[in-house]
Amino acid sequence: MSPSIVQLDPEKTDNKAFAGCFLIVTERRPWGVVGYIQGVGDRNGRGGVFWYRAARGTYKLCGHAEWTIGEGAGL
């Protein structure tokens, strides 16, 4: 089964830097989910994978990912 994609609620997300971002879920927990947000960076090369824990009620299910970091297409 492919991993879920959730969107972080802009009003309820603890870290406002990630408000509205899409999160690839890698683990489901009783209190919520763990996953990552892929940042593309800027002119200074910043970006990468940002790991995040989201409590229940702070995200909505959007769909499923075809690929995740470390799988297929040279990722």
C-alpha atoms as a PDB file:
ATOM      1  CA  MET A   1       0.000   0.000   0.000  1.00  0.00           C
ATOM      2  CA  SER A   2       1.355   3.425  -0.903  1.00  0.00           C
ATOM      3  CA  PRO A   3       1.920   6.014   1.844  1.00  0.00           C
ATOM      4  CA  SER A   4      -0.731   8.588   2.642  1.00  0.00           C
ATOM      5  CA  ILE A   5      -0.413  12.286   1.875  1.00  0.00           C
ATOM      6  CA  VAL A   6      -1.946  14.672   4.392  1.00  0.00           C
ATOM      7  CA  GLN A   7      -2.167  18.455   4.414  1.00  0.00           C
ATOM      8  CA  LEU A   8      -1.335  20.292   7.623  1.00  0.00           C
ATOM      9  CA  ASP A   9      -4.125  22.577   8.845  1.00  0.00           C
ATOM     10  CA  PRO A  10      -2.853  26.194   8.753  1.00  0.00           C
ATOM     11  CA  GLU A  11      -4.847  27.089  11.881  1.00  0.00           C
ATOM     12  CA  LYS A  12      -4.033  24.025  13.994  1.00  0.00           C
ATOM     13  CA  THR A  13      -0.434  23.196  13.003  1.00  0.00           C
ATOM     14  CA  ASP A  14       2.016  23.789  15.872  1.00  0.00           C
ATOM     15  CA  ASN A  15       4.910  24.899  13.651  1.00  0.00           C
ATOM     16  CA  LYS A  16       3.515  27.667  11.447  1.00  0.00           C
ATOM     17  CA  ALA A  17       6.461  27.291   9.032  1.00  0.00           C
ATOM     18  CA  PHE A  18       4.703  24.097   7.866  1.00  0.00           C
ATOM     19  CA  ALA A  19       1.129  25.458   7.864  1.00  0.00           C
ATOM     20  CA  GLY A  20      -0.665  24.245   4.736  1.00  0.00           C
ATOM     21  CA  CYS A  21       2.188  21.955   3.655  1.00  0.00           C
ATOM     22  CA  PHE A  22       1.716  18.433   2.334  1.00  0.00           C
ATOM     23  CA  LEU A  23       3.224  15.671   4.485  1.00  0.00           C
ATOM     24  CA  ILE A  24       4.152  12.172   3.276  1.00  0.00           C
ATOM     25  CA  VAL A  25       3.173   9.843   6.123  1.00  0.00           C
ATOM     26  CA  THR A  26       5.826   7.273   7.064  1.00  0.00           C
ATOM     27  CA  GLU A  27       4.321   6.110  10.374  1.00  0.00           C
ATOM     28  CA  ARG A  28       0.904   6.122  11.966  1.00  0.00           C
ATOM     29  CA  ARG A  29       0.800   6.505  15.742  1.00  0.00           C
ATOM     30  CA  PRO A  30      -2.064   6.511  18.279  1.00  0.00           C
ATOM     31  CA  TRP A  31      -1.620  10.283  18.725  1.00  0.00           C
ATOM     32  CA  GLY A  32      -1.260  11.134  15.001  1.00  0.00           C
ATOM     33  CA  VAL A  33       1.306  10.668  12.217  1.00  0.00           C
ATOM     34  CA  VAL A  34       5.026  11.032  11.496  1.00  0.00           C
ATOM     35  CA  GLY A  35       6.277  11.955   8.066  1.00  0.00           C
ATOM     36  CA  TYR A  36       8.268  14.332   5.950  1.00  0.00           C
ATOM     37  CA  ILE A  37       7.839  17.450   3.877  1.00  0.00           C
ATOM     38  CA  GLN A  38      10.088  17.760   0.831  1.00  0.00           C
ATOM     39  CA  GLY A  39      11.492  21.283   0.518  1.00  0.00           C
ATOM     40  CA  VAL A  40      12.873  22.289  -2.877  1.00  0.00           C
ATOM     41  CA  GLY A  41      15.138  25.033  -1.556  1.00  0.00           C
ATOM     42  CA  ASP A  42      16.063  28.463  -2.818  1.00  0.00           C
ATOM     43  CA  ARG A  43      19.002  30.186  -4.507  1.00  0.00           C
ATOM     44  CA  ASN A  44      21.208  29.428  -1.519  1.00  0.00           C
ATOM     45  CA  GLY A  45      20.612  25.693  -1.834  1.00  0.00           C
ATOM     46  CA  ARG A  46      18.450  25.387   1.267  1.00  0.00           C
ATOM     47  CA  GLY A  47      15.877  22.669   1.155  1.00  0.00           C
ATOM     48  CA  GLY A  48      15.766  18.960   1.734  1.00  0.00           C
ATOM     49  CA  VAL A  49      13.647  16.652   3.814  1.00  0.00           C
ATOM     50  CA  PHE A  50      11.950  18.099   6.878  1.00  0.00           C
ATOM     51  CA  TRP A  51      10.600  15.532   9.353  1.00  0.00           C
ATOM     52  CA  TYR A  52       7.422  16.427  11.240  1.00  0.00           C
ATOM     53  CA  ARG A  53       5.035  14.926  13.798  1.00  0.00           C
ATOM     54  CA  ALA A  54       1.404  15.920  13.423  1.00  0.00           C
ATOM     55  CA  ALA A  55      -1.178  15.341  16.151  1.00  0.00           C
ATOM     56  CA  ARG A  56      -4.622  14.035  15.266  1.00  0.00           C
ATOM     57  CA  GLY A  57      -6.961  16.822  14.309  1.00  0.00           C
ATOM     58  CA  THR A  58      -4.189  18.979  12.813  1.00  0.00           C
ATOM     59  CA  TYR A  59      -4.222  17.464   9.303  1.00  0.00           C
ATOM     60  CA  LYS A  60      -6.529  16.118   6.601  1.00  0.00           C
ATOM     61  CA  LEU A  61      -6.017  13.113   4.337  1.00  0.00           C
ATOM     62  CA  CYS A  62      -5.479  14.178   0.692  1.00  0.00           C
ATOM     63  CA  GLY A  63      -4.442  11.007  -1.088  1.00  0.00           C
ATOM     64  CA  HIS A  64      -1.588   8.584  -1.600  1.00  0.00           C
ATOM     65  CA  ALA A  65       1.999   8.996  -2.812  1.00  0.00           C
ATOM     66  CA  GLU A  66       3.327   6.983  -5.730  1.00  0.00           C
ATOM     67  CA  TRP A  67       6.939   7.286  -4.529  1.00  0.00           C
ATOM     68  CA  THR A  68       8.720   8.171  -1.315  1.00  0.00           C
ATOM     69  CA  ILE A  69      12.273   9.243  -0.546  1.00  0.00           C
ATOM     70  CA  GLY A  70      14.633   6.346  -1.261  1.00  0.00           C
ATOM     71  CA  GLU A  71      12.294   4.552  -3.652  1.00  0.00           C
ATOM     72  CA  GLY A  72      12.494   4.397  -7.442  1.00  0.00           C
ATOM     73  CA  ALA A  73      13.622   6.867 -10.096  1.00  0.00           C
ATOM     74  CA  GLY A  74      16.983   7.465  -8.395  1.00  0.00           C
ATOM     75  CA  LEU A  75      15.475   9.010  -5.274  1.00  0.00           C
END
